Amino acid sequence: MHGITKTFGSFKALDGVDLDVKKQTVHAILGENGAGKSTLMNVLYGLYQADEGEVYLGGQSVQIQSPLDAIAHGIGMVHQHFMLVENFTVTENIILGDEVCHSMGVLDMARAKKEVEKIVDEYGFEVDPDAKVEDITVGMQQRVEILKALYRGADTLILDEPTAVLTPQEITQLIKIMHELVAKGKTIIIITHKLKEIMESADACTIIRRGRYMGTVDVSKTTEEELASKMVGRHVSLTVEKGPANPGKTVLSVKDLHVKDARGIEQVCGLNIDVRAGEIVGIAGIEGNGQDEFVEAIDGLAKVDSGTISVNGEEIQNTVPRNVLDHKVATIPADRQRFGLVLPFTVAENVILERHQEEAFGKGATLDYGKVRSFTNGLIKEYDIRPADCVDSLAGGLSGGNQQKVIIAREVSSEPDLLVAVQPTRGLDVGAIEFVHKALIRERDRGAAILLISLELDEVMDVADTIAVIHHGKIVGTFKQGTVSEEEVGLLMAGGGKQ
């Protein structure tokens, strides 16, 4: 891709960007949130058309006007937010749009299943072709997306933030899959913010900063620190800098909590935990060990069968979300698009969700949009939400990382007594991660109680003052920072080790 330029209105998302990818390699594209990485790949996949520039495949100029053109040229794309029909089977999802039919146009599911089984076996993917997508893990759903592209004959695979929703174990498996695909002749372009994963998986890395090409480096000849500084344009600390905590009174107290999921299966099984003012308690655990149900119970979204959740000495379980908010509890949810934002609302409207009744934003049933915009513009500047003039833009039009910044700005600006941060840095670049960690520590030092729930073990180990390990819905070990190793925590997460 040479000299690719793309504008949206007055905003220039890409400004003469170059990308040269060698066949049968893993090539990473690195950049801050909103730098233009996904836009560049959407041009290659035919979802957008460039205003200027050329695309070459194998040395030949090609015109890609649609995803069908891209697929015809052997290009497949796995999007950050999967495009699967949840109540369809794996086989039905893989063949959707490229169905196998009898001569009369009737769907031939027996032959389709055989073809899917053949491709599953060929690439060694452990996927059940008959399983419904809604019943398989996120990591398995991602493999289905990759299989969809391979089924259509993709030689070049674009993976957009492929590890943003995966557990550490699934990330390791994905990197193994990428290397196996390359060994079988495929070429992979991976968009990611995670420097460690670039170092482990990529051969080369192209850096984009604010829509401009900053260069391509040989990954084997660089370091995480060099990549970070080239991406952001300044030195970025890859370690969390903080002083000692000064815990005060207990803000959150959870006693013998039991919560079932939507299927009626108990997921939180006698959980006990306390979080004090001026302290960050991090919960480490493998996904699916009751974290979601625990957070939903705190937020008033799930019924508690037994046990108590107290905030500042008052029980809040089995009430309503409004009561939880009135007790000064704020939550950064794990899924920003499903639970964090109303995507068809503007950034300003999303910023005042939960707070629209406050006099600062109007009187009675009338909002003062001048005050709302002024407040929002202050947060856009403080949290470096891009583009800087997005106050009246729809939240759904922002990049994933900037959507996350909107949520964090809203929740932290409410100055909560308890901040529940679930995967707060998911999908963020290193500069934004540094900013979020500083914001959490600043809230801690202000006197807030912070409950951090993250699937990133190194994040819990680095940020939390107290580390609690969850397994099968209960806390199986609690440690002060610096008194336990990642290996010991990992063993507990898997159900072994000392407690």
Protein backbone atom coordinates (compact mmCIF):
# COMPACT_ATOMS: atom_id res chain seq x y z
CA MET A 1 0.00 0.00 0.00
CA HIS A 2 1.63 3.25 -1.13
CA GLY A 3 0.60 6.82 -0.29
CA ILE A 4 -2.79 5.89 1.16
CA THR A 5 -4.82 8.97 2.14
CA LYS A 6 -8.34 8.85 3.60
CA THR A 7 -10.44 11.70 4.97
CA PHE A 8 -13.78 11.76 6.76
CA GLY A 9 -15.21 15.23 6.36
CA SER A 10 -12.49 17.58 7.56
CA PHE A 11 -10.66 14.84 9.50
CA LYS A 12 -7.68 13.26 7.74
CA ALA A 13 -7.51 9.72 9.15
CA LEU A 14 -4.63 8.64 6.87
CA ASP A 15 -2.05 10.94 5.31
CA GLY A 16 0.10 9.26 2.66
CA VAL A 17 0.65 6.01 4.57
CA ASP A 18 2.88 3.22 3.16
CA LEU A 19 2.73 -0.47 4.07
CA ASP A 20 4.97 -3.15 2.58
CA VAL A 21 4.30 -6.71 3.76
CA LYS A 22 6.46 -9.67 2.77
CA LYS A 23 4.79 -12.95 1.85
CA GLN A 24 4.63 -15.68 4.51
CA THR A 25 5.41 -13.36 7.46
CA VAL A 26 3.57 -11.92 10.44
CA HIS A 27 3.51 -8.13 10.02
CA ALA A 28 2.30 -5.98 12.93
CA ILE A 29 0.73 -2.53 12.61
CA LEU A 30 1.27 -0.46 15.74
CA GLY A 31 -0.19 2.91 16.68
CA GLU A 32 -2.11 4.82 19.31
CA ASN A 33 -5.89 4.66 19.56
CA GLY A 34 -7.28 6.57 16.59
CA ALA A 35 -3.93 6.55 14.73
CA GLY A 36 -5.58 5.07 11.62
CA LYS A 37 -4.54 1.40 11.84
CA SER A 38 -8.02 -0.07 11.38
CA THR A 39 -8.86 2.54 8.73
CA LEU A 40 -5.81 1.45 6.71
CA MET A 41 -6.88 -2.20 6.92
CA ASN A 42 -10.48 -1.33 6.07
CA VAL A 43 -9.12 0.24 2.86
CA LEU A 44 -7.19 -2.96 2.09
CA TYR A 45 -10.31 -5.04 2.75
CA GLY A 46 -12.53 -2.80 0.60
CA LEU A 47 -14.74 -1.46 3.38
CA TYR A 48 -13.37 2.04 2.64
CA GLN A 49 -12.01 3.49 -0.59
CA ALA A 50 -8.86 5.60 -0.36
CA ASP A 51 -8.94 9.18 -1.60
CA GLU A 52 -5.37 8.77 -2.84
CA GLY A 53 -2.82 5.97 -3.12
CA GLU A 54 -2.29 2.56 -4.69
CA VAL A 55 -2.62 -1.05 -3.54
CA TYR A 56 -0.33 -3.72 -5.02
CA LEU A 57 -0.51 -7.49 -4.64
CA GLY A 58 2.44 -9.50 -5.84
CA GLY A 59 3.75 -6.40 -7.61
CA GLN A 60 0.51 -5.85 -9.56
CA SER A 61 -1.75 -2.83 -9.01
CA VAL A 62 -5.25 -3.90 -7.90
CA GLN A 63 -8.55 -2.12 -7.33
CA ILE A 64 -10.40 -3.25 -4.20
CA GLN A 65 -13.84 -1.65 -4.12
CA SER A 66 -15.55 -4.06 -1.73
CA PRO A 67 -14.89 -6.99 0.63
CA LEU A 68 -15.94 -9.29 -2.25
CA ASP A 69 -13.04 -7.87 -4.29
CA ALA A 70 -10.69 -8.41 -1.34
CA ILE A 71 -11.85 -12.02 -0.89
CA ALA A 72 -11.40 -12.61 -4.64
CA HIS A 73 -7.79 -11.43 -4.23
CA GLY A 74 -7.23 -13.83 -1.30
CA ILE A 75 -7.56 -11.25 1.50
CA GLY A 76 -9.59 -12.09 4.63
CA MET A 77 -10.27 -9.97 7.70
CA VAL A 78 -11.16 -10.88 11.28
CA HIS A 79 -12.66 -7.81 12.94
CA GLN A 80 -12.10 -6.77 16.55
CA HIS A 81 -15.81 -7.25 17.28
CA PHE A 82 -16.73 -10.61 15.80
CA MET A 83 -19.33 -10.85 13.02
CA LEU A 84 -20.98 -14.14 13.95
CA VAL A 85 -24.63 -15.20 14.24
CA GLU A 86 -24.77 -16.44 17.81
CA ASN A 87 -27.65 -18.93 17.41
CA PHE A 88 -26.10 -20.49 14.27
CA THR A 89 -23.70 -23.42 14.47
CA VAL A 90 -20.01 -23.14 13.70
CA THR A 91 -20.58 -24.74 10.29
CA GLU A 92 -23.48 -22.42 9.45
CA ASN A 93 -21.38 -19.37 10.34
CA ILE A 94 -18.39 -20.52 8.29
CA ILE A 95 -20.38 -21.14 5.09
CA LEU A 96 -22.70 -18.11 5.48
CA GLY A 97 -22.57 -16.16 2.22
CA ASP A 98 -20.71 -18.97 0.45
CA GLU A 99 -23.17 -21.80 0.93
CA VAL A 100 -22.83 -25.33 -0.42
CA CYS A 101 -26.01 -26.26 -2.32
CA HIS A 102 -27.57 -29.12 -4.29
CA SER A 103 -28.25 -28.63 -7.98
CA MET A 104 -31.75 -27.29 -7.17
CA GLY A 105 -30.34 -24.58 -4.90
CA VAL A 106 -31.16 -26.42 -1.68
CA LEU A 107 -28.59 -26.13 1.10
CA ASP A 108 -26.42 -29.26 1.33
CA MET A 109 -25.48 -29.26 5.01
CA ALA A 110 -23.95 -32.75 4.91
CA ARG A 111 -21.40 -31.68 2.26
CA ALA A 112 -20.89 -28.31 3.98
CA LYS A 113 -20.07 -30.06 7.26
CA LYS A 114 -17.55 -32.32 5.51
CA GLU A 115 -15.83 -29.33 3.91
CA VAL A 116 -15.69 -27.52 7.27
CA GLU A 117 -14.33 -30.63 9.01
CA LYS A 118 -11.69 -30.90 6.28
CA ILE A 119 -10.46 -27.34 6.81
CA VAL A 120 -10.60 -27.72 10.61
CA ASP A 121 -8.40 -30.81 10.35
CA GLU A 122 -6.07 -29.21 7.81
CA TYR A 123 -5.20 -26.32 10.11
CA GLY A 124 -5.44 -28.25 13.38
CA PHE A 125 -8.12 -26.02 14.91
CA GLU A 126 -9.92 -27.58 17.86
CA VAL A 127 -13.45 -26.49 16.93
CA ASP A 128 -16.71 -28.47 17.08
CA PRO A 129 -18.50 -27.84 13.72
CA ASP A 130 -21.89 -28.66 15.31
CA ALA A 131 -21.56 -26.35 18.34
CA LYS A 132 -23.65 -23.19 18.49
CA VAL A 133 -21.58 -20.03 18.58
CA GLU A 134 -23.39 -18.78 21.70
CA ASP A 135 -22.14 -21.87 23.57
CA ILE A 136 -18.41 -21.63 22.77
CA THR A 137 -15.68 -19.47 24.32
CA VAL A 138 -14.54 -16.14 22.90
CA GLY A 139 -11.24 -17.71 21.86
CA MET A 140 -13.12 -20.43 19.99
CA GLN A 141 -15.31 -17.81 18.29
CA GLN A 142 -12.18 -16.13 17.03
CA ARG A 143 -11.00 -19.40 15.50
CA VAL A 144 -14.37 -19.62 13.74
CA GLU A 145 -13.75 -16.15 12.26
CA ILE A 146 -10.31 -17.25 11.05
CA LEU A 147 -11.79 -20.44 9.59
CA LYS A 148 -14.41 -18.33 7.75
CA ALA A 149 -11.59 -16.47 6.00
CA LEU A 150 -9.61 -19.64 5.26
CA TYR A 151 -12.75 -21.34 3.91
CA ARG A 152 -13.01 -18.52 1.36
CA GLY A 153 -9.43 -19.09 0.22
CA ALA A 154 -7.63 -16.30 2.08
CA ASP A 155 -3.86 -16.20 1.62
CA THR A 156 -3.50 -12.92 3.53
CA LEU A 157 -5.27 -12.65 6.90
CA ILE A 158 -5.90 -9.31 8.61
CA LEU A 159 -6.43 -9.69 12.38
CA ASP A 160 -7.77 -6.49 13.99
CA GLU A 161 -6.90 -6.39 17.72
CA PRO A 162 -7.17 -10.20 17.88
CA THR A 163 -6.13 -10.52 21.53
CA ALA A 164 -8.32 -7.74 22.98
CA VAL A 165 -10.94 -10.19 24.28
CA LEU A 166 -8.77 -13.26 24.92
CA THR A 167 -7.43 -14.82 28.10
CA PRO A 168 -3.64 -15.21 28.48
CA GLN A 169 -3.96 -18.91 27.62
CA GLU A 170 -5.98 -18.12 24.47
CA ILE A 171 -3.42 -15.48 23.44
CA THR A 172 -0.65 -18.07 23.64
CA GLN A 173 -2.75 -20.43 21.53
CA LEU A 174 -3.50 -17.70 18.95
CA ILE A 175 0.20 -16.89 18.52
CA LYS A 176 0.85 -20.59 17.97
CA ILE A 177 -1.94 -20.68 15.36
CA MET A 178 -0.49 -17.64 13.57
CA HIS A 179 2.94 -19.26 13.31
CA GLU A 180 1.38 -22.50 12.05
CA LEU A 181 -0.59 -20.58 9.38
CA VAL A 182 2.59 -18.83 8.22
CA ALA A 183 4.34 -22.20 8.03
CA LYS A 184 1.52 -23.34 5.72
CA GLY A 185 2.13 -20.40 3.37
CA LYS A 186 -0.22 -17.73 4.74
CA THR A 187 0.63 -14.06 5.35
CA ILE A 188 -0.74 -12.35 8.45
CA ILE A 189 -1.22 -8.66 9.21
CA ILE A 190 -1.97 -8.07 12.89
CA ILE A 191 -3.21 -4.81 14.41
CA THR A 192 -2.35 -4.69 18.10
CA HIS A 193 -1.40 -2.37 20.93
CA LYS A 194 0.37 -5.06 22.91
CA LEU A 195 4.12 -4.74 22.57
CA LYS A 196 4.86 -8.06 24.24
CA GLU A 197 2.72 -9.87 21.66
CA ILE A 198 4.44 -8.08 18.79
CA MET A 199 7.81 -9.20 20.14
CA GLU A 200 6.54 -12.80 20.44
CA SER A 201 4.68 -13.10 17.14
CA ALA A 202 5.75 -10.58 14.47
CA ASP A 203 8.62 -10.48 11.98
CA ALA A 204 8.20 -6.79 11.12
CA CYS A 205 6.26 -3.85 12.55
CA THR A 206 4.94 -0.72 10.84
CA ILE A 207 4.26 2.27 13.11
CA ILE A 208 1.54 4.84 12.38
CA ARG A 209 1.18 8.03 14.42
CA ARG A 210 -1.85 10.28 13.97
CA GLY A 211 -2.48 9.04 10.46
CA ARG A 212 1.12 9.25 9.25
CA TYR A 213 3.66 6.56 8.45
CA MET A 214 6.52 6.61 10.98
CA GLY A 215 8.55 3.69 9.63
CA THR A 216 8.88 -0.10 9.63
CA VAL A 217 11.23 -1.99 11.92
CA ASP A 218 12.65 -5.51 12.11
CA VAL A 219 11.11 -6.84 15.34
CA SER A 220 14.15 -9.01 16.10
CA LYS A 221 16.33 -5.87 16.19
CA THR A 222 14.18 -3.65 18.43
CA THR A 223 12.80 -3.52 21.99
CA GLU A 224 9.43 -2.87 23.58
CA GLU A 225 10.70 0.50 24.83
CA GLU A 226 11.79 1.59 21.35
CA LEU A 227 8.47 0.56 19.83
CA ALA A 228 6.55 2.44 22.53
CA SER A 229 8.49 5.68 22.06
CA LYS A 230 8.16 5.52 18.25
CA MET A 231 4.43 4.94 18.54
CA VAL A 232 3.68 7.74 21.00
CA GLY A 233 6.49 10.16 20.13
CA ARG A 234 7.75 10.37 23.70
CA HIS A 235 9.17 8.15 26.41
CA VAL A 236 6.54 5.86 27.90
CA SER A 237 7.04 4.12 31.23
CA LEU A 238 6.25 0.42 30.85
CA THR A 239 6.27 -0.04 34.62
CA VAL A 240 3.62 1.32 36.98
CA GLU A 241 4.98 4.14 39.12
CA LYS A 242 3.19 4.62 42.43
CA GLY A 243 3.82 5.28 46.09
CA PRO A 244 2.67 3.07 48.96
CA ALA A 245 -1.05 2.84 49.67
CA ASN A 246 -2.58 4.38 52.79
CA PRO A 247 -5.73 2.29 53.35
CA GLY A 248 -8.52 3.77 55.43
CA LYS A 249 -12.00 2.54 56.31
CA THR A 250 -13.62 -0.42 54.59
CA VAL A 251 -15.76 0.83 51.67
CA LEU A 252 -16.76 -2.49 50.02
CA SER A 253 -17.42 -5.56 52.15
CA VAL A 254 -18.66 -8.78 50.53
CA LYS A 255 -19.60 -11.68 52.78
CA ASP A 256 -20.37 -15.28 51.73
CA LEU A 257 -21.82 -14.21 48.37
CA HIS A 258 -23.70 -16.72 46.21
CA VAL A 259 -24.92 -15.77 42.71
CA LYS A 260 -26.31 -17.89 39.84
CA ASP A 261 -25.97 -17.10 36.15
CA ALA A 262 -28.85 -16.80 33.65
CA ARG A 263 -28.94 -20.60 33.31
CA GLY A 264 -29.46 -21.06 37.05
CA ILE A 265 -25.93 -22.40 37.61
CA GLU A 266 -24.11 -21.01 40.64
CA GLN A 267 -21.07 -19.03 39.52
CA VAL A 268 -20.24 -17.07 42.70
CA CYS A 269 -19.84 -19.65 45.45
CA GLY A 270 -19.28 -18.12 48.88
CA LEU A 271 -17.07 -15.19 47.87
CA ASN A 272 -15.57 -12.95 50.58
CA ILE A 273 -13.59 -9.77 49.96
CA ASP A 274 -13.02 -6.31 51.48
CA VAL A 275 -11.77 -3.18 49.73
CA ARG A 276 -10.70 -0.16 51.76
CA ALA A 277 -10.52 3.52 50.91
CA GLY A 278 -7.15 4.45 49.44
CA GLU A 279 -6.44 0.90 48.25
CA ILE A 280 -6.47 -1.00 44.94
CA VAL A 281 -7.53 -4.63 45.29
CA GLY A 282 -6.94 -6.60 42.11
CA ILE A 283 -8.77 -9.84 41.34
CA ALA A 284 -6.76 -12.24 39.20
CA GLY A 285 -8.46 -15.20 37.57
CA ILE A 286 -9.16 -17.10 34.40
CA GLU A 287 -12.24 -15.86 32.56
CA GLY A 288 -15.45 -17.63 33.52
CA ASN A 289 -14.71 -18.08 37.23
CA GLY A 290 -17.56 -15.87 38.45
CA GLN A 291 -16.10 -12.43 37.73
CA ASP A 292 -18.99 -11.31 35.51
CA GLU A 293 -21.68 -12.44 37.93
CA PHE A 294 -19.82 -10.83 40.84
CA VAL A 295 -19.71 -7.45 39.11
CA GLU A 296 -23.36 -7.73 38.04
CA ALA A 297 -24.33 -8.42 41.65
CA ILE A 298 -22.46 -5.30 42.83
CA ASP A 299 -24.13 -3.19 40.14
CA GLY A 300 -27.63 -4.43 40.95
CA LEU A 301 -27.92 -6.33 37.65
CA ALA A 302 -27.94 -9.87 39.07
CA LYS A 303 -29.94 -11.45 41.89
CA VAL A 304 -27.97 -12.47 44.97
CA ASP A 305 -29.17 -15.80 46.37
CA SER A 306 -27.42 -15.34 49.71
CA GLY A 307 -24.70 -13.26 51.30
CA THR A 308 -24.25 -9.50 51.52
CA ILE A 309 -22.64 -6.64 49.58
CA SER A 310 -22.11 -3.55 51.71
CA VAL A 311 -20.85 -0.12 50.63
CA ASN A 312 -19.84 2.19 53.48
CA GLY A 313 -21.73 -0.08 55.88
CA GLU A 314 -25.03 -0.18 53.95
CA GLU A 315 -26.21 -3.31 52.13
CA ILE A 316 -26.92 -2.80 48.41
CA GLN A 317 -27.52 -6.34 47.14
CA ASN A 318 -30.81 -7.06 45.37
CA THR A 319 -31.69 -3.38 45.01
CA VAL A 320 -31.62 -1.44 41.71
CA PRO A 321 -28.76 0.15 39.74
CA ARG A 322 -29.94 3.66 40.65
CA ASN A 323 -29.50 2.85 44.34
CA VAL A 324 -26.01 1.52 43.63
CA LEU A 325 -25.12 4.77 41.82
CA ASP A 326 -26.55 6.79 44.73
CA HIS A 327 -24.11 4.93 47.01
CA LYS A 328 -21.30 6.43 44.87
CA VAL A 329 -20.33 3.23 43.07
CA ALA A 330 -18.94 3.63 39.55
CA THR A 331 -18.15 0.82 37.13
CA ILE A 332 -15.95 0.54 34.05
CA PRO A 333 -17.61 -2.49 32.36
CA ALA A 334 -15.74 -5.26 30.55
CA ASP A 335 -17.68 -4.83 27.28
CA ARG A 336 -17.63 -1.17 26.31
CA GLN A 337 -20.03 -1.48 23.37
CA ARG A 338 -22.70 -3.64 25.03
CA PHE A 339 -22.66 -2.19 28.53
CA GLY A 340 -20.52 0.96 28.57
CA LEU A 341 -21.97 3.16 25.86
CA VAL A 342 -25.12 3.93 23.92
CA LEU A 343 -23.47 3.87 20.49
CA PRO A 344 -26.12 5.94 18.64
CA PHE A 345 -25.79 8.71 21.30
CA THR A 346 -23.22 11.49 21.02
CA VAL A 347 -20.07 11.55 23.12
CA ALA A 348 -21.59 14.37 25.20
CA GLU A 349 -24.78 12.39 25.83
CA ASN A 350 -22.77 9.32 26.85
CA VAL A 351 -20.62 11.36 29.22
CA ILE A 352 -23.63 12.47 31.28
CA LEU A 353 -25.36 9.09 31.39
CA GLU A 354 -26.12 8.33 35.06
CA ARG A 355 -25.64 12.07 35.87
CA HIS A 356 -28.18 13.78 33.62
CA GLN A 357 -30.40 14.64 36.61
CA GLU A 358 -27.70 16.78 38.22
CA GLU A 359 -28.35 20.54 38.32
CA ALA A 360 -24.95 21.13 36.70
CA PHE A 361 -26.44 19.91 33.40
CA GLY A 362 -29.87 21.55 33.46
CA LYS A 363 -33.09 21.91 35.42
CA GLY A 364 -36.02 19.54 35.65
CA ALA A 365 -36.55 17.59 32.45
CA THR A 366 -34.48 20.01 30.33
CA LEU A 367 -30.79 19.58 29.60
CA ASP A 368 -28.56 22.62 29.11
CA TYR A 369 -26.54 21.37 26.13
CA GLY A 370 -24.13 24.29 26.41
CA LYS A 371 -23.11 23.13 29.89
CA VAL A 372 -23.08 19.49 28.78
CA ARG A 373 -20.76 20.26 25.85
CA SER A 374 -18.49 22.41 28.00
CA PHE A 375 -18.16 19.64 30.59
CA THR A 376 -17.54 17.05 27.87
CA ASN A 377 -14.92 19.16 26.10
CA GLY A 378 -13.04 19.41 29.40
CA LEU A 379 -12.97 15.61 29.69
CA ILE A 380 -12.00 15.19 26.02
CA LYS A 381 -8.97 17.38 26.64
CA GLU A 382 -8.08 15.83 30.00
CA TYR A 383 -8.35 12.23 28.75
CA ASP A 384 -6.96 12.89 25.24
CA ILE A 385 -10.06 11.52 23.51
CA ARG A 386 -9.64 11.66 19.73
CA PRO A 387 -10.59 13.35 17.53
CA ALA A 388 -10.55 16.40 19.77
CA ASP A 389 -13.73 17.82 18.20
CA CYS A 390 -15.83 14.69 18.86
CA VAL A 391 -18.18 16.22 21.45
CA ASP A 392 -21.19 15.94 19.08
CA SER A 393 -19.93 12.84 17.25
CA LEU A 394 -21.70 9.52 17.73
CA ALA A 395 -19.90 7.28 20.22
CA GLY A 396 -20.18 4.39 17.76
CA GLY A 397 -17.97 6.28 15.32
CA LEU A 398 -14.95 6.43 17.65
CA SER A 399 -12.17 3.87 17.67
CA GLY A 400 -12.45 1.17 20.33
CA GLY A 401 -9.73 2.70 22.46
CA ASN A 402 -11.31 6.15 22.38
CA GLN A 403 -14.68 4.64 23.29
CA GLN A 404 -12.94 3.18 26.35
CA LYS A 405 -11.52 6.59 27.23
CA VAL A 406 -15.04 8.10 27.15
CA ILE A 407 -16.24 5.50 29.68
CA ILE A 408 -13.25 5.97 31.97
CA ALA A 409 -13.60 9.76 31.83
CA ARG A 410 -17.30 9.51 32.75
CA GLU A 411 -16.84 7.08 35.63
CA VAL A 412 -13.74 8.65 37.19
CA SER A 413 -15.10 12.21 36.90
CA SER A 414 -18.02 11.25 39.18
CA GLU A 415 -15.50 10.95 42.05
CA PRO A 416 -16.89 7.64 43.34
CA ASP A 417 -16.28 6.11 46.75
CA LEU A 418 -15.94 2.72 45.03
CA LEU A 419 -14.64 2.33 41.49
CA VAL A 420 -15.08 -1.14 39.96
CA ALA A 421 -12.69 -1.32 37.00
CA VAL A 422 -13.22 -4.39 34.81
CA GLN A 423 -10.61 -4.82 32.08
CA PRO A 424 -10.04 -1.01 32.07
CA THR A 425 -7.13 -1.12 29.59
CA ARG A 426 -8.60 -3.64 27.13
CA GLY A 427 -7.81 -2.49 23.60
CA LEU A 428 -5.73 0.53 24.68
CA ASP A 429 -2.27 1.47 23.42
CA VAL A 430 0.68 1.73 25.79
CA GLY A 431 0.37 5.50 26.14
CA ALA A 432 -3.32 5.21 27.05
CA ILE A 433 -2.61 2.27 29.38
CA GLU A 434 -0.06 4.40 31.20
CA PHE A 435 -2.69 7.16 31.48
CA VAL A 436 -5.39 4.80 32.83
CA HIS A 437 -3.06 3.30 35.42
CA LYS A 438 -2.13 6.80 36.59
CA ALA A 439 -5.84 7.68 36.77
CA LEU A 440 -6.55 4.63 38.95
CA ILE A 441 -3.66 5.45 41.24
CA ARG A 442 -4.76 9.09 41.39
CA GLU A 443 -8.24 7.94 42.43
CA ARG A 444 -6.70 5.66 45.05
CA ASP A 445 -4.66 8.55 46.42
CA ARG A 446 -7.80 10.71 46.45
CA GLY A 447 -9.27 8.17 48.85
CA ALA A 448 -11.44 6.02 46.60
CA ALA A 449 -11.60 2.26 46.99
CA ILE A 450 -10.63 0.55 43.73
CA LEU A 451 -11.68 -2.99 42.77
CA LEU A 452 -9.66 -3.98 39.70
CA ILE A 453 -10.74 -7.08 37.80
CA SER A 454 -8.44 -7.96 34.92
CA LEU A 455 -7.56 -10.99 32.82
CA GLU A 456 -4.11 -9.42 32.34
CA LEU A 457 -2.14 -10.99 35.19
CA ASP A 458 0.77 -8.58 34.83
CA GLU A 459 -1.66 -5.65 35.17
CA VAL A 460 -3.04 -7.00 38.45
CA MET A 461 0.48 -7.73 39.72
CA ASP A 462 1.75 -4.24 38.82
CA VAL A 463 -1.21 -2.01 39.72
CA ALA A 464 -2.90 -3.64 42.73
CA ASP A 465 -1.83 -3.09 46.33
CA THR A 466 -3.58 -6.33 47.32
CA ILE A 467 -3.92 -9.30 44.95
CA ALA A 468 -6.89 -11.63 45.36
CA VAL A 469 -7.15 -14.83 43.28
CA ILE A 470 -10.58 -16.10 42.20
CA HIS A 471 -11.27 -19.73 41.26
CA HIS A 472 -14.67 -21.39 40.85
CA GLY A 473 -16.45 -18.33 42.23
CA LYS A 474 -14.54 -17.82 45.46
CA ILE A 475 -11.39 -16.06 46.60
CA VAL A 476 -8.73 -18.75 47.09
CA GLY A 477 -5.79 -16.55 48.08
CA THR A 478 -5.03 -12.95 49.07
CA PHE A 479 -1.55 -11.39 49.02
CA LYS A 480 0.10 -8.02 49.45
CA GLN A 481 1.88 -6.77 46.34
CA GLY A 482 5.45 -8.04 46.18
CA THR A 483 4.87 -11.09 48.40
CA VAL A 484 3.85 -13.55 45.67
CA SER A 485 5.16 -14.49 42.22
CA GLU A 486 3.23 -14.65 38.93
CA GLU A 487 3.84 -18.39 38.89
CA GLU A 488 2.24 -18.87 42.32
CA VAL A 489 -0.75 -16.72 41.35
CA GLY A 490 -1.07 -18.62 38.06
CA LEU A 491 -1.17 -21.94 39.89
CA LEU A 492 -3.94 -20.69 42.17
CA MET A 493 -5.87 -19.37 39.15
CA ALA A 494 -5.78 -22.90 37.71
CA GLY A 495 -6.92 -24.48 40.97
CA GLY A 496 -3.55 -25.57 42.34
CA GLY A 497 -0.73 -24.11 44.41
CA LYS A 498 -0.67 -22.86 47.97
CA GLN A 499 -3.35 -20.65 49.50
